[in-house]
Amino acid sequence: MSRRFSAARNIGFRSGDEPSTDRYADLPGGLVQAEWHTPVEDWRVINGRAVPGRFSAVWHLPQGPLPYITGRLTHLTYNVAP
């Protein structure tokens, strides 16, 4: 099932798809500190800036990867000069 929604959020994407362990996954058994990363499938240029096109966020759990966000950036508003 795919749902569409709009979100306004300040997000940062690290280069090189580097994993991190600075967050907790809210799982049915409780909070678990787990490795995660944000793979970017493609990049686009919007308003003269390279930005992620399609991306996801994935927890790396002992039972296997768990994608918890998939998205596509469609427009960009910013307040920093290029």
PDB file of N, CA and C in Angstrom:
ATOM      1  N   MET A   1       0.843  -1.171   0.000  1.00  0.00           N
ATOM      2  CA  MET A   1       0.000   0.000   0.000  1.00  0.00           C
ATOM      3  C   MET A   1       0.889   1.235   0.000  1.00  0.00           C
ATOM      4  N   SER A   2       0.594   2.154  -0.862  1.00  0.00           N
ATOM      5  CA  SER A   2       1.361   3.389  -0.959  1.00  0.00           C
ATOM      6  C   SER A   2       0.441   4.558  -0.629  1.00  0.00           C
ATOM      7  N   ARG A   3       0.893   5.411   0.276  1.00  0.00           N
ATOM      8  CA  ARG A   3       0.119   6.595   0.614  1.00  0.00           C
ATOM      9  C   ARG A   3       0.948   7.822   0.295  1.00  0.00           C
ATOM     10  N   ARG A   4       0.289   8.861  -0.140  1.00  0.00           N
ATOM     11  CA  ARG A   4       0.975  10.121  -0.425  1.00  0.00           C
ATOM     12  C   ARG A   4       0.685  11.115   0.684  1.00  0.00           C
ATOM     13  N   PHE A   5       1.699  11.840   1.059  1.00  0.00           N
ATOM     14  CA  PHE A   5       1.515  12.912   2.017  1.00  0.00           C
ATOM     15  C   PHE A   5       2.613  13.935   1.803  1.00  0.00           C
ATOM     16  N   SER A   6       2.396  15.089   2.361  1.00  0.00           N
ATOM     17  CA  SER A   6       3.366  16.162   2.260  1.00  0.00           C
ATOM     18  C   SER A   6       3.951  16.407   3.637  1.00  0.00           C
ATOM     19  N   ALA A   7       5.236  16.668   3.687  1.00  0.00           N
ATOM     20  CA  ALA A   7       5.881  16.939   4.966  1.00  0.00           C
ATOM     21  C   ALA A   7       6.881  18.058   4.797  1.00  0.00           C
ATOM     22  N   ALA A   8       6.940  18.912   5.777  1.00  0.00           N
ATOM     23  CA  ALA A   8       7.960  19.954   5.822  1.00  0.00           C
ATOM     24  C   ALA A   8       8.909  19.579   6.941  1.00  0.00           C
ATOM     25  N   ARG A   9      10.173  19.466   6.613  1.00  0.00           N
ATOM     26  CA  ARG A   9      11.129  18.989   7.605  1.00  0.00           C
ATOM     27  C   ARG A   9      12.535  19.417   7.220  1.00  0.00           C
ATOM     28  N   ASN A  10      13.318  19.733   8.207  1.00  0.00           N
ATOM     29  CA  ASN A  10      14.745  19.964   7.987  1.00  0.00           C
ATOM     30  C   ASN A  10      15.436  18.611   8.080  1.00  0.00           C
ATOM     31  N   ILE A  11      16.063  18.179   7.001  1.00  0.00           N
ATOM     32  CA  ILE A  11      16.758  16.903   6.997  1.00  0.00           C
ATOM     33  C   ILE A  11      18.137  17.081   6.390  1.00  0.00           C
ATOM     34  N   GLY A  12      19.026  16.248   6.836  1.00  0.00           N
ATOM     35  CA  GLY A  12      20.361  16.232   6.277  1.00  0.00           C
ATOM     36  C   GLY A  12      20.678  14.851   5.751  1.00  0.00           C
ATOM     37  N   PHE A  13      21.368  14.793   4.652  1.00  0.00           N
ATOM     38  CA  PHE A  13      21.800  13.529   4.077  1.00  0.00           C
ATOM     39  C   PHE A  13      23.311  13.506   4.105  1.00  0.00           C
ATOM     40  N   ARG A  14      23.856  12.486   4.745  1.00  0.00           N
ATOM     41  CA  ARG A  14      25.303  12.344   4.788  1.00  0.00           C
ATOM     42  C   ARG A  14      25.792  11.788   3.460  1.00  0.00           C
ATOM     43  N   SER A  15      26.959  12.193   3.070  1.00  0.00           N
ATOM     44  CA  SER A  15      27.521  11.656   1.832  1.00  0.00           C
ATOM     45  C   SER A  15      28.064  10.258   2.072  1.00  0.00           C
ATOM     46  N   GLY A  16      28.083   9.458   1.033  1.00  0.00           N
ATOM     47  CA  GLY A  16      28.669   8.135   1.119  1.00  0.00           C
ATOM     48  C   GLY A  16      27.800   7.092   1.775  1.00  0.00           C
ATOM     49  N   ASP A  17      26.566   7.415   2.084  1.00  0.00           N
ATOM     50  CA  ASP A  17      25.642   6.431   2.643  1.00  0.00           C
ATOM     51  C   ASP A  17      26.236   5.764   3.884  1.00  0.00           C
ATOM     52  N   GLU A  18      26.787   6.566   4.783  1.00  0.00           N
ATOM     53  CA  GLU A  18      27.448   6.046   5.973  1.00  0.00           C
ATOM     54  C   GLU A  18      26.424   5.658   7.025  1.00  0.00           C
ATOM     55  N   PRO A  19      26.523   4.442   7.591  1.00  0.00           N
ATOM     56  CA  PRO A  19      25.585   4.043   8.639  1.00  0.00           C
ATOM     57  C   PRO A  19      25.850   4.791   9.940  1.00  0.00           C
ATOM     58  N   SER A  20      24.843   4.815  10.802  1.00  0.00           N
ATOM     59  CA  SER A  20      24.949   5.483  12.091  1.00  0.00           C
ATOM     60  C   SER A  20      24.236   4.643  13.144  1.00  0.00           C
ATOM     61  N   THR A  21      24.560   4.869  14.410  1.00  0.00           N
ATOM     62  CA  THR A  21      23.861   4.186  15.506  1.00  0.00           C
ATOM     63  C   THR A  21      23.370   5.196  16.540  1.00  0.00           C
ATOM     64  N   ASP A  22      23.079   6.420  16.105  1.00  0.00           N
ATOM     65  CA  ASP A  22      22.706   7.469  17.039  1.00  0.00           C
ATOM     66  C   ASP A  22      21.199   7.581  17.296  1.00  0.00           C
ATOM     67  N   ARG A  23      20.401   6.605  16.858  1.00  0.00           N
ATOM     68  CA  ARG A  23      18.948   6.653  17.051  1.00  0.00           C
ATOM     69  C   ARG A  23      18.435   5.312  17.549  1.00  0.00           C
ATOM     70  N   TYR A  24      17.196   5.360  18.054  1.00  0.00           N
ATOM     71  CA  TYR A  24      16.555   4.158  18.571  1.00  0.00           C
ATOM     72  C   TYR A  24      15.349   3.797  17.719  1.00  0.00           C
ATOM     73  N   ALA A  25      15.242   2.515  17.380  1.00  0.00           N
ATOM     74  CA  ALA A  25      14.079   2.008  16.653  1.00  0.00           C
ATOM     75  C   ALA A  25      12.981   1.714  17.667  1.00  0.00           C
ATOM     76  N   ASP A  26      11.769   2.209  17.418  1.00  0.00           N
ATOM     77  CA  ASP A  26      10.622   1.954  18.290  1.00  0.00           C
ATOM     78  C   ASP A  26       9.940   0.680  17.795  1.00  0.00           C
ATOM     79  N   LEU A  27      10.345  -0.454  18.346  1.00  0.00           N
ATOM     80  CA  LEU A  27       9.864  -1.760  17.915  1.00  0.00           C
ATOM     81  C   LEU A  27       8.811  -2.283  18.890  1.00  0.00           C
ATOM     82  N   PRO A  28       8.037  -3.297  18.490  1.00  0.00           N
ATOM     83  CA  PRO A  28       7.010  -3.831  19.388  1.00  0.00           C
ATOM     84  C   PRO A  28       7.547  -4.240  20.765  1.00  0.00           C
ATOM     85  N   GLY A  29       8.793  -4.700  20.851  1.00  0.00           N
ATOM     86  CA  GLY A  29       9.383  -5.091  22.133  1.00  0.00           C
ATOM     87  C   GLY A  29       9.985  -3.935  22.913  1.00  0.00           C
ATOM     88  N   GLY A  30       9.948  -2.730  22.365  1.00  0.00           N
ATOM     89  CA  GLY A  30      10.513  -1.561  23.024  1.00  0.00           C
ATOM     90  C   GLY A  30      11.580  -0.898  22.174  1.00  0.00           C
ATOM     91  N   LEU A  31      12.201   0.111  22.738  1.00  0.00           N
ATOM     92  CA  LEU A  31      13.235   0.857  22.015  1.00  0.00           C
ATOM     93  C   LEU A  31      14.516   0.036  21.916  1.00  0.00           C
ATOM     94  N   VAL A  32      15.109   0.046  20.719  1.00  0.00           N
ATOM     95  CA  VAL A  32      16.349  -0.680  20.472  1.00  0.00           C
ATOM     96  C   VAL A  32      17.300   0.240  19.720  1.00  0.00           C
ATOM     97  N   GLN A  33      18.497   0.448  20.268  1.00  0.00           N
ATOM     98  CA  GLN A  33      19.497   1.221  19.533  1.00  0.00           C
ATOM     99  C   GLN A  33      20.009   0.340  18.408  1.00  0.00           C
ATOM    100  N   ALA A  34      19.865   0.806  17.179  1.00  0.00           N
ATOM    101  CA  ALA A  34      20.205  -0.025  16.028  1.00  0.00           C
ATOM    102  C   ALA A  34      20.891   0.819  14.960  1.00  0.00           C
ATOM    103  N   GLU A  35      21.705   0.152  14.162  1.00  0.00           N
ATOM    104  CA  GLU A  35      22.338   0.824  13.027  1.00  0.00           C
ATOM    105  C   GLU A  35      21.270   1.141  11.982  1.00  0.00           C
ATOM    106  N   TRP A  36      21.407   2.273  11.339  1.00  0.00           N
ATOM    107  CA  TRP A  36      20.486   2.680  10.283  1.00  0.00           C
ATOM    108  C   TRP A  36      21.272   3.469   9.258  1.00  0.00           C
ATOM    109  N   HIS A  37      20.708   3.605   8.073  1.00  0.00           N
ATOM    110  CA  HIS A  37      21.315   4.476   7.069  1.00  0.00           C
ATOM    111  C   HIS A  37      20.233   4.972   6.117  1.00  0.00           C
ATOM    112  N   THR A  38      20.594   5.980   5.339  1.00  0.00           N
ATOM    113  CA  THR A  38      19.645   6.606   4.409  1.00  0.00           C
ATOM    114  C   THR A  38      20.182   6.500   2.985  1.00  0.00           C
ATOM    115  N   PRO A  39      19.963   5.354   2.340  1.00  0.00           N
ATOM    116  CA  PRO A  39      20.440   5.234   0.961  1.00  0.00           C
ATOM    117  C   PRO A  39      19.673   6.173   0.031  1.00  0.00           C
ATOM    118  N   VAL A  40      20.410   6.816  -0.846  1.00  0.00           N
ATOM    119  CA  VAL A  40      19.820   7.700  -1.860  1.00  0.00           C
ATOM    120  C   VAL A  40      19.927   6.982  -3.195  1.00  0.00           C
ATOM    121  N   GLU A  41      18.782   6.775  -3.832  1.00  0.00           N
ATOM    122  CA  GLU A  41      18.752   6.030  -5.091  1.00  0.00           C
ATOM    123  C   GLU A  41      19.184   6.879  -6.279  1.00  0.00           C
ATOM    124  N   ASP A  42      18.840   8.150  -6.260  1.00  0.00           N
ATOM    125  CA  ASP A  42      19.277   9.038  -7.338  1.00  0.00           C
ATOM    126  C   ASP A  42      19.310  10.473  -6.827  1.00  0.00           C
ATOM    127  N   TRP A  43      20.044  11.302  -7.542  1.00  0.00           N
ATOM    128  CA  TRP A  43      20.180  12.717  -7.197  1.00  0.00           C
ATOM    129  C   TRP A  43      19.578  13.554  -8.308  1.00  0.00           C
ATOM    130  N   ARG A  44      19.036  14.722  -7.938  1.00  0.00           N
ATOM    131  CA  ARG A  44      18.447  15.655  -8.897  1.00  0.00           C
ATOM    132  C   ARG A  44      19.016  17.043  -8.626  1.00  0.00           C
ATOM    133  N   VAL A  45      18.855  17.927  -9.589  1.00  0.00           N
ATOM    134  CA  VAL A  45      19.227  19.322  -9.385  1.00  0.00           C
ATOM    135  C   VAL A  45      17.946  20.132  -9.332  1.00  0.00           C
ATOM    136  N   ILE A  46      17.717  20.793  -8.199  1.00  0.00           N
ATOM    137  CA  ILE A  46      16.555  21.659  -8.016  1.00  0.00           C
ATOM    138  C   ILE A  46      17.076  23.025  -7.605  1.00  0.00           C
ATOM    139  N   ASN A  47      16.681  24.047  -8.332  1.00  0.00           N
ATOM    140  CA  ASN A  47      17.122  25.416  -8.046  1.00  0.00           C
ATOM    141  C   ASN A  47      18.644  25.514  -7.954  1.00  0.00           C
ATOM    142  N   GLY A  48      19.338  24.784  -8.805  1.00  0.00           N
ATOM    143  CA  GLY A  48      20.801  24.851  -8.846  1.00  0.00           C
ATOM    144  C   GLY A  48      21.512  24.050  -7.777  1.00  0.00           C
ATOM    145  N   ARG A  49      20.786  23.257  -6.997  1.00  0.00           N
ATOM    146  CA  ARG A  49      21.394  22.459  -5.933  1.00  0.00           C
ATOM    147  C   ARG A  49      21.183  20.976  -6.183  1.00  0.00           C
ATOM    148  N   ALA A  50      22.217  20.175  -5.928  1.00  0.00           N
ATOM    149  CA  ALA A  50      22.073  18.720  -5.994  1.00  0.00           C
ATOM    150  C   ALA A  50      21.367  18.262  -4.725  1.00  0.00           C
ATOM    151  N   VAL A  51      20.260  17.560  -4.889  1.00  0.00           N
ATOM    152  CA  VAL A  51      19.468  17.075  -3.759  1.00  0.00           C
ATOM    153  C   VAL A  51      19.061  15.626  -4.022  1.00  0.00           C
ATOM    154  N   PRO A  52      18.774  14.873  -2.967  1.00  0.00           N
ATOM    155  CA  PRO A  52      18.321  13.498  -3.180  1.00  0.00           C
ATOM    156  C   PRO A  52      17.006  13.478  -3.954  1.00  0.00           C
ATOM    157  N   GLY A  53      16.866  12.538  -4.871  1.00  0.00           N
ATOM    158  CA  GLY A  53      15.596  12.331  -5.559  1.00  0.00           C
ATOM    159  C   GLY A  53      14.804  11.301  -4.778  1.00  0.00           C
ATOM    160  N   ARG A  54      15.035  10.029  -5.065  1.00  0.00           N
ATOM    161  CA  ARG A  54      14.398   8.942  -4.315  1.00  0.00           C
ATOM    162  C   ARG A  54      15.348   8.486  -3.209  1.00  0.00           C
ATOM    163  N   PHE A  55      14.799   8.266  -2.022  1.00  0.00           N
ATOM    164  CA  PHE A  55      15.612   7.900  -0.868  1.00  0.00           C
ATOM    165  C   PHE A  55      14.808   7.009   0.066  1.00  0.00           C
ATOM    166  N   SER A  56      15.493   6.429   1.028  1.00  0.00           N
ATOM    167  CA  SER A  56      14.827   5.644   2.064  1.00  0.00           C
ATOM    168  C   SER A  56      15.625   5.761   3.354  1.00  0.00           C
ATOM    169  N   ALA A  57      15.051   5.265   4.428  1.00  0.00           N
ATOM    170  CA  ALA A  57      15.746   5.130   5.706  1.00  0.00           C
ATOM    171  C   ALA A  57      15.531   3.686   6.152  1.00  0.00           C
ATOM    172  N   VAL A  58      16.616   3.023   6.540  1.00  0.00           N
ATOM    173  CA  VAL A  58      16.565   1.583   6.799  1.00  0.00           C
ATOM    174  C   VAL A  58      17.240   1.269   8.128  1.00  0.00           C
ATOM    175  N   TRP A  59      16.519   0.539   9.012  1.00  0.00           N
ATOM    176  CA  TRP A  59      17.127  -0.013  10.218  1.00  0.00           C
ATOM    177  C   TRP A  59      17.810  -1.318   9.839  1.00  0.00           C
ATOM    178  N   HIS A  60      18.973  -1.584  10.423  1.00  0.00           N
ATOM    179  CA  HIS A  60      19.667  -2.859  10.222  1.00  0.00           C
ATOM    180  C   HIS A  60      19.541  -3.651  11.521  1.00  0.00           C
ATOM    181  N   LEU A  61      18.571  -4.552  11.545  1.00  0.00           N
ATOM    182  CA  LEU A  61      18.250  -5.330  12.733  1.00  0.00           C
ATOM    183  C   LEU A  61      18.796  -6.752  12.591  1.00  0.00           C
ATOM    184  N   PRO A  62      18.951  -7.488  13.701  1.00  0.00           N
ATOM    185  CA  PRO A  62      19.448  -8.865  13.618  1.00  0.00           C
ATOM    186  C   PRO A  62      18.613  -9.747  12.673  1.00  0.00           C
ATOM    187  N   GLN A  63      17.303  -9.509  12.604  1.00  0.00           N
ATOM    188  CA  GLN A  63      16.441 -10.320  11.737  1.00  0.00           C
ATOM    189  C   GLN A  63      16.436  -9.843  10.290  1.00  0.00           C
ATOM    190  N   GLY A  64      17.169  -8.779   9.989  1.00  0.00           N
ATOM    191  CA  GLY A  64      17.275  -8.289   8.617  1.00  0.00           C
ATOM    192  C   GLY A  64      16.948  -6.814   8.515  1.00  0.00           C
ATOM    193  N   PRO A  65      17.140  -6.226   7.328  1.00  0.00           N
ATOM    194  CA  PRO A  65      16.877  -4.804   7.140  1.00  0.00           C
ATOM    195  C   PRO A  65      15.388  -4.492   7.248  1.00  0.00           C
ATOM    196  N   LEU A  66      15.076  -3.332   7.834  1.00  0.00           N
ATOM    197  CA  LEU A  66      13.693  -2.875   7.985  1.00  0.00           C
ATOM    198  C   LEU A  66      13.584  -1.445   7.454  1.00  0.00           C
ATOM    199  N   PRO A  67      13.158  -1.275   6.188  1.00  0.00           N
ATOM    200  CA  PRO A  67      12.953   0.087   5.675  1.00  0.00           C
ATOM    201  C   PRO A  67      11.778   0.728   6.414  1.00  0.00           C
ATOM    202  N   TYR A  68      11.971   1.941   6.925  1.00  0.00           N
ATOM    203  CA  TYR A  68      10.879   2.595   7.627  1.00  0.00           C
ATOM    204  C   TYR A  68      10.440   3.893   6.964  1.00  0.00           C
ATOM    205  N   ILE A  69      11.171   4.343   5.973  1.00  0.00           N
ATOM    206  CA  ILE A  69      10.749   5.503   5.182  1.00  0.00           C
ATOM    207  C   ILE A  69      11.214   5.280   3.751  1.00  0.00           C
ATOM    208  N   THR A  70      10.351   5.515   2.806  1.00  0.00           N
ATOM    209  CA  THR A  70      10.750   5.634   1.412  1.00  0.00           C
ATOM    210  C   THR A  70      10.108   6.914   0.901  1.00  0.00           C
ATOM    211  N   GLY A  71      10.845   7.650   0.123  1.00  0.00           N
ATOM    212  CA  GLY A  71      10.295   8.917  -0.332  1.00  0.00           C
ATOM    213  C   GLY A  71      10.960   9.414  -1.592  1.00  0.00           C
ATOM    214  N   ARG A  72      10.413  10.513  -2.088  1.00  0.00           N
ATOM    215  CA  ARG A  72      10.936  11.168  -3.283  1.00  0.00           C
ATOM    216  C   ARG A  72      10.776  12.661  -3.079  1.00  0.00           C
ATOM    217  N   LEU A  73      11.864  13.377  -3.179  1.00  0.00           N
ATOM    218  CA  LEU A  73      11.820  14.829  -3.054  1.00  0.00           C
ATOM    219  C   LEU A  73      11.296  15.411  -4.355  1.00  0.00           C
ATOM    220  N   THR A  74      10.225  16.191  -4.274  1.00  0.00           N
ATOM    221  CA  THR A  74       9.610  16.738  -5.478  1.00  0.00           C
ATOM    222  C   THR A  74       9.814  18.242  -5.630  1.00  0.00           C
ATOM    223  N   HIS A  75      10.002  18.941  -4.522  1.00  0.00           N
ATOM    224  CA  HIS A  75      10.319  20.371  -4.592  1.00  0.00           C
ATOM    225  C   HIS A  75      11.085  20.759  -3.346  1.00  0.00           C
ATOM    226  N   LEU A  76      11.691  21.916  -3.397  1.00  0.00           N
ATOM    227  CA  LEU A  76      12.589  22.322  -2.343  1.00  0.00           C
ATOM    228  C   LEU A  76      12.453  23.825  -2.101  1.00  0.00           C
ATOM    229  N   THR A  77      12.342  24.191  -0.846  1.00  0.00           N
ATOM    230  CA  THR A  77      12.361  25.586  -0.450  1.00  0.00           C
ATOM    231  C   THR A  77      13.499  25.740   0.549  1.00  0.00           C
ATOM    232  N   TYR A  78      14.320  26.740   0.373  1.00  0.00           N
ATOM    233  CA  TYR A  78      15.442  26.925   1.277  1.00  0.00           C
ATOM    234  C   TYR A  78      15.688  28.401   1.475  1.00  0.00           C
ATOM    235  N   ASN A  79      16.442  28.730   2.534  1.00  0.00           N
ATOM    236  CA  ASN A  79      16.728  30.124   2.823  1.00  0.00           C
ATOM    237  C   ASN A  79      18.223  30.399   2.880  1.00  0.00           C
ATOM    238  N   VAL A  80      18.998  29.567   2.180  1.00  0.00           N
ATOM    239  CA  VAL A  80      20.449  29.756   2.111  1.00  0.00           C
ATOM    240  C   VAL A  80      20.808  29.943   0.635  1.00  0.00           C
ATOM    241  N   ALA A  81      21.576  30.971   0.355  1.00  0.00           N
ATOM    242  CA  ALA A  81      21.950  31.229  -1.042  1.00  0.00           C
ATOM    243  C   ALA A  81      22.777  30.075  -1.599  1.00  0.00           C
ATOM    244  N   PRO A  82      22.580  29.710  -2.880  1.00  0.00           N
ATOM    245  CA  PRO A  82      23.375  28.624  -3.483  1.00  0.00           C
ATOM    246  C   PRO A  82      24.846  28.993  -3.568  1.00  0.00           C
TER     247      PRO A  82
END
